[in-house]
Amino acid sequence: MPTKRNGNAPTQRQLRVGEELRHAMVDVLRRGDFRDPALQNANITVTEIRVSPDLRNATAFVTPLGGGDVEETVAALRRAAPYFRAQLAQAIKLRFAPTIGFEADTSFEYANRIDALLQDPVVQRDLTAPRQDAEPDADDAVPAAIRAPDTSDGA
């Protein structure tokens, strides 16, 4: 009996198949037997492969290692998508070989942007400033007349 899922969260099977596809894709890229000259000496990182719920479509998120031209690399991978599909069909035993799409991975740029924002002096000031809505210390909550006397020597 099928169960309802929350939103767009991938199933455990989608995650497993995506990771298997990623490993197989890395092996194909490592062999490097491509006809396209843009892919022959390219070092490409496959950060994630997301698989559709029916396992017939997959999107590989890639970035060139060493910061090469992302758009050129993605375009070359898209041209070679049928080759990748055939290679993945041989490497992974699924009922249907998924159609592979390629997208530039922007997660590293996003993480760098967040890091730069956290290093901004204005944000640093806000992070280190005491909170106005914070609860007072235990000593501040007790009136001075009730507090225990300070027994430390002043010397």
C-alpha atoms as a PDB file:
ATOM      1  CA  MET A   1       0.000   0.000   0.000  1.00  0.00           C
ATOM      2  CA  PRO A   2       1.593   3.333  -1.015  1.00  0.00           C
ATOM      3  CA  THR A   3       2.121   5.899   1.679  1.00  0.00           C
ATOM      4  CA  LYS A   4       1.922   9.656   1.374  1.00  0.00           C
ATOM      5  CA  ARG A   5       5.206  11.529   1.514  1.00  0.00           C
ATOM      6  CA  ASN A   6       5.928  15.005   2.782  1.00  0.00           C
ATOM      7  CA  GLY A   7       6.695  17.536   0.050  1.00  0.00           C
ATOM      8  CA  ASN A   8       9.611  16.860  -2.241  1.00  0.00           C
ATOM      9  CA  ALA A   9      11.751  14.802   0.107  1.00  0.00           C
ATOM     10  CA  PRO A  10      13.465  12.002  -1.809  1.00  0.00           C
ATOM     11  CA  THR A  11      12.783   8.412  -0.829  1.00  0.00           C
ATOM     12  CA  GLN A  12      15.482   6.129   0.498  1.00  0.00           C
ATOM     13  CA  ARG A  13      15.495   4.307  -2.851  1.00  0.00           C
ATOM     14  CA  GLN A  14      16.001   7.566  -4.773  1.00  0.00           C
ATOM     15  CA  LEU A  15      18.947   8.431  -2.549  1.00  0.00           C
ATOM     16  CA  ARG A  16      20.502   4.956  -2.940  1.00  0.00           C
ATOM     17  CA  VAL A  17      20.074   4.911  -6.729  1.00  0.00           C
ATOM     18  CA  GLY A  18      21.417   8.458  -6.979  1.00  0.00           C
ATOM     19  CA  GLU A  19      24.532   7.543  -5.027  1.00  0.00           C
ATOM     20  CA  GLU A  20      25.095   4.403  -7.123  1.00  0.00           C
ATOM     21  CA  LEU A  21      24.718   6.462 -10.286  1.00  0.00           C
ATOM     22  CA  ARG A  22      27.188   9.015  -8.940  1.00  0.00           C
ATOM     23  CA  HIS A  23      29.803   6.332  -8.273  1.00  0.00           C
ATOM     24  CA  ALA A  24      29.289   4.838 -11.731  1.00  0.00           C
ATOM     25  CA  MET A  25      29.463   8.300 -13.339  1.00  0.00           C
ATOM     26  CA  VAL A  26      32.743   8.994 -11.549  1.00  0.00           C
ATOM     27  CA  ASP A  27      34.154   5.726 -12.907  1.00  0.00           C
ATOM     28  CA  VAL A  28      33.122   6.667 -16.459  1.00  0.00           C
ATOM     29  CA  LEU A  29      34.672  10.120 -16.069  1.00  0.00           C
ATOM     30  CA  ARG A  30      37.853   8.628 -14.599  1.00  0.00           C
ATOM     31  CA  ARG A  31      38.312   6.352 -17.643  1.00  0.00           C
ATOM     32  CA  GLY A  32      38.114   9.420 -19.861  1.00  0.00           C
ATOM     33  CA  ASP A  33      37.465   7.694 -23.201  1.00  0.00           C
ATOM     34  CA  PHE A  34      35.468  10.509 -24.813  1.00  0.00           C
ATOM     35  CA  ARG A  35      35.306  11.708 -28.386  1.00  0.00           C
ATOM     36  CA  ASP A  36      34.556  15.273 -27.369  1.00  0.00           C
ATOM     37  CA  PRO A  37      37.836  17.204 -26.957  1.00  0.00           C
ATOM     38  CA  ALA A  38      36.283  19.362 -24.236  1.00  0.00           C
ATOM     39  CA  LEU A  39      35.924  16.262 -22.034  1.00  0.00           C
ATOM     40  CA  GLN A  40      39.136  14.378 -22.822  1.00  0.00           C
ATOM     41  CA  ASN A  41      41.405  16.087 -20.293  1.00  0.00           C
ATOM     42  CA  ALA A  42      38.739  17.597 -18.066  1.00  0.00           C
ATOM     43  CA  ASN A  43      38.721  16.927 -14.337  1.00  0.00           C
ATOM     44  CA  ILE A  44      35.081  17.010 -13.311  1.00  0.00           C
ATOM     45  CA  THR A  45      33.577  16.617  -9.857  1.00  0.00           C
ATOM     46  CA  VAL A  46      30.126  15.033  -9.620  1.00  0.00           C
ATOM     47  CA  THR A  47      28.771  16.360  -6.350  1.00  0.00           C
ATOM     48  CA  GLU A  48      25.286  14.850  -6.452  1.00  0.00           C
ATOM     49  CA  ILE A  49      22.841  13.021  -8.686  1.00  0.00           C
ATOM     50  CA  ARG A  50      19.147  13.537  -7.986  1.00  0.00           C
ATOM     51  CA  VAL A  51      16.779  10.905  -9.299  1.00  0.00           C
ATOM     52  CA  SER A  52      13.089  11.374 -10.107  1.00  0.00           C
ATOM     53  CA  PRO A  53      10.553   9.321  -8.125  1.00  0.00           C
ATOM     54  CA  ASP A  54      10.005   6.939 -11.074  1.00  0.00           C
ATOM     55  CA  LEU A  55      13.822   6.508 -11.449  1.00  0.00           C
ATOM     56  CA  ARG A  56      13.634   7.330 -15.182  1.00  0.00           C
ATOM     57  CA  ASN A  57      15.280  10.754 -15.024  1.00  0.00           C
ATOM     58  CA  ALA A  58      18.377  11.885 -13.190  1.00  0.00           C
ATOM     59  CA  THR A  59      20.126  15.224 -12.848  1.00  0.00           C
ATOM     60  CA  ALA A  60      23.864  15.237 -12.224  1.00  0.00           C
ATOM     61  CA  PHE A  61      25.289  18.314 -10.519  1.00  0.00           C
ATOM     62  CA  VAL A  62      28.853  18.844 -11.686  1.00  0.00           C
ATOM     63  CA  THR A  63      31.663  21.326 -11.347  1.00  0.00           C
ATOM     64  CA  PRO A  64      35.033  21.381 -13.091  1.00  0.00           C
ATOM     65  CA  LEU A  65      37.870  20.686 -10.702  1.00  0.00           C
ATOM     66  CA  GLY A  66      40.195  23.646 -10.480  1.00  0.00           C
ATOM     67  CA  GLY A  67      37.565  26.187 -11.506  1.00  0.00           C
ATOM     68  CA  GLY A  68      37.459  25.698 -15.269  1.00  0.00           C
ATOM     69  CA  ASP A  69      34.715  27.057 -17.522  1.00  0.00           C
ATOM     70  CA  VAL A  70      31.533  25.649 -15.987  1.00  0.00           C
ATOM     71  CA  GLU A  71      29.209  26.431 -18.906  1.00  0.00           C
ATOM     72  CA  GLU A  72      31.511  24.837 -21.477  1.00  0.00           C
ATOM     73  CA  THR A  73      31.902  21.723 -19.320  1.00  0.00           C
ATOM     74  CA  VAL A  74      28.155  21.366 -18.763  1.00  0.00           C
ATOM     75  CA  ALA A  75      27.484  21.847 -22.475  1.00  0.00           C
ATOM     76  CA  ALA A  76      30.026  19.131 -23.345  1.00  0.00           C
ATOM     77  CA  LEU A  77      28.485  16.762 -20.799  1.00  0.00           C
ATOM     78  CA  ARG A  78      25.018  17.395 -22.223  1.00  0.00           C
ATOM     79  CA  ARG A  79      26.300  16.526 -25.698  1.00  0.00           C
ATOM     80  CA  ALA A  80      27.686  13.269 -24.298  1.00  0.00           C
ATOM     81  CA  ALA A  81      24.546  12.404 -22.273  1.00  0.00           C
ATOM     82  CA  PRO A  82      23.544   9.419 -24.477  1.00  0.00           C
ATOM     83  CA  TYR A  83      27.023   7.959 -24.013  1.00  0.00           C
ATOM     84  CA  PHE A  84      26.758   8.351 -20.247  1.00  0.00           C
ATOM     85  CA  ARG A  85      23.322   6.738 -20.235  1.00  0.00           C
ATOM     86  CA  ALA A  86      24.665   3.695 -22.109  1.00  0.00           C
ATOM     87  CA  GLN A  87      27.661   3.400 -19.786  1.00  0.00           C
ATOM     88  CA  LEU A  88      25.509   3.729 -16.673  1.00  0.00           C
ATOM     89  CA  ALA A  89      23.051   1.129 -18.009  1.00  0.00           C
ATOM     90  CA  GLN A  90      25.923  -1.367 -18.201  1.00  0.00           C
ATOM     91  CA  ALA A  91      27.292  -0.467 -14.774  1.00  0.00           C
ATOM     92  CA  ILE A  92      24.040  -0.375 -12.789  1.00  0.00           C
ATOM     93  CA  LYS A  93      21.347  -3.004 -12.899  1.00  0.00           C
ATOM     94  CA  LEU A  94      18.059  -1.145 -13.105  1.00  0.00           C
ATOM     95  CA  ARG A  95      14.926  -1.925 -15.068  1.00  0.00           C
ATOM     96  CA  PHE A  96      15.334   1.329 -17.016  1.00  0.00           C
ATOM     97  CA  ALA A  97      18.471   3.346 -17.554  1.00  0.00           C
ATOM     98  CA  PRO A  98      17.651   6.878 -16.446  1.00  0.00           C
ATOM     99  CA  THR A  99      17.943   9.804 -18.829  1.00  0.00           C
ATOM    100  CA  ILE A 100      20.822  11.920 -17.539  1.00  0.00           C
ATOM    101  CA  GLY A 101      20.721  15.706 -17.413  1.00  0.00           C
ATOM    102  CA  PHE A 102      23.612  17.880 -16.303  1.00  0.00           C
ATOM    103  CA  GLU A 103      23.521  21.081 -14.260  1.00  0.00           C
ATOM    104  CA  ALA A 104      26.262  23.286 -12.871  1.00  0.00           C
ATOM    105  CA  ASP A 105      26.618  22.842  -9.125  1.00  0.00           C
ATOM    106  CA  THR A 106      26.284  26.181  -7.392  1.00  0.00           C
ATOM    107  CA  SER A 107      26.428  24.897  -3.813  1.00  0.00           C
ATOM    108  CA  PHE A 108      30.108  25.834  -3.419  1.00  0.00           C
ATOM    109  CA  GLU A 109      29.464  29.422  -4.525  1.00  0.00           C
ATOM    110  CA  TYR A 110      26.475  29.573  -2.186  1.00  0.00           C
ATOM    111  CA  ALA A 111      28.603  28.317   0.732  1.00  0.00           C
ATOM    112  CA  ASN A 112      31.309  30.884  -0.074  1.00  0.00           C
ATOM    113  CA  ARG A 113      28.671  33.630  -0.138  1.00  0.00           C
ATOM    114  CA  ILE A 114      27.324  32.581   3.275  1.00  0.00           C
ATOM    115  CA  ASP A 115      30.885  32.440   4.648  1.00  0.00           C
ATOM    116  CA  ALA A 116      31.623  35.933   3.298  1.00  0.00           C
ATOM    117  CA  LEU A 117      28.430  37.239   4.922  1.00  0.00           C
ATOM    118  CA  LEU A 118      29.411  35.699   8.256  1.00  0.00           C
ATOM    119  CA  GLN A 119      32.843  37.376   8.035  1.00  0.00           C
ATOM    120  CA  ASP A 120      31.292  40.810   7.370  1.00  0.00           C
ATOM    121  CA  PRO A 121      32.157  43.218  10.250  1.00  0.00           C
ATOM    122  CA  VAL A 122      28.518  44.225  10.726  1.00  0.00           C
ATOM    123  CA  VAL A 123      27.447  40.604  11.107  1.00  0.00           C
ATOM    124  CA  GLN A 124      30.413  39.856  13.375  1.00  0.00           C
ATOM    125  CA  ARG A 125      29.340  42.745  15.611  1.00  0.00           C
ATOM    126  CA  ASP A 126      25.820  41.348  15.776  1.00  0.00           C
ATOM    127  CA  LEU A 127      27.051  37.855  16.524  1.00  0.00           C
ATOM    128  CA  THR A 128      29.339  38.960  19.365  1.00  0.00           C
ATOM    129  CA  ALA A 129      27.014  41.572  20.918  1.00  0.00           C
ATOM    130  CA  PRO A 130      25.036  40.461  23.972  1.00  0.00           C
ATOM    131  CA  ARG A 131      21.436  39.700  23.249  1.00  0.00           C
ATOM    132  CA  GLN A 132      18.873  42.196  24.502  1.00  0.00           C
ATOM    133  CA  ASP A 133      16.206  39.545  25.042  1.00  0.00           C
ATOM    134  CA  ALA A 134      18.528  37.155  26.880  1.00  0.00           C
ATOM    135  CA  GLU A 135      17.647  36.177  30.416  1.00  0.00           C
ATOM    136  CA  PRO A 136      19.689  37.997  33.078  1.00  0.00           C
ATOM    137  CA  ASP A 137      22.403  36.154  34.968  1.00  0.00           C
ATOM    138  CA  ALA A 138      21.425  34.516  38.227  1.00  0.00           C
ATOM    139  CA  ASP A 139      23.200  37.216  40.257  1.00  0.00           C
ATOM    140  CA  ASP A 140      21.352  39.992  38.404  1.00  0.00           C
ATOM    141  CA  ALA A 141      17.983  38.425  39.190  1.00  0.00           C
ATOM    142  CA  VAL A 142      18.622  38.438  42.975  1.00  0.00           C
ATOM    143  CA  PRO A 143      18.238  41.810  44.715  1.00  0.00           C
ATOM    144  CA  ALA A 144      21.442  43.190  46.304  1.00  0.00           C
ATOM    145  CA  ALA A 145      19.972  43.025  49.831  1.00  0.00           C
ATOM    146  CA  ILE A 146      19.473  39.264  49.558  1.00  0.00           C
ATOM    147  CA  ARG A 147      22.748  38.366  47.807  1.00  0.00           C
ATOM    148  CA  ALA A 148      25.465  36.601  49.738  1.00  0.00           C
ATOM    149  CA  PRO A 149      28.196  38.988  50.805  1.00  0.00           C
ATOM    150  CA  ASP A 150      31.416  39.024  48.780  1.00  0.00           C
ATOM    151  CA  THR A 151      34.010  37.194  50.884  1.00  0.00           C
ATOM    152  CA  SER A 152      37.005  37.728  48.656  1.00  0.00           C
ATOM    153  CA  ASP A 153      39.793  39.943  49.950  1.00  0.00           C
ATOM    154  CA  GLY A 154      40.103  43.279  48.236  1.00  0.00           C
ATOM    155  CA  ALA A 155      43.939  43.031  48.393  1.00  0.00           C
END
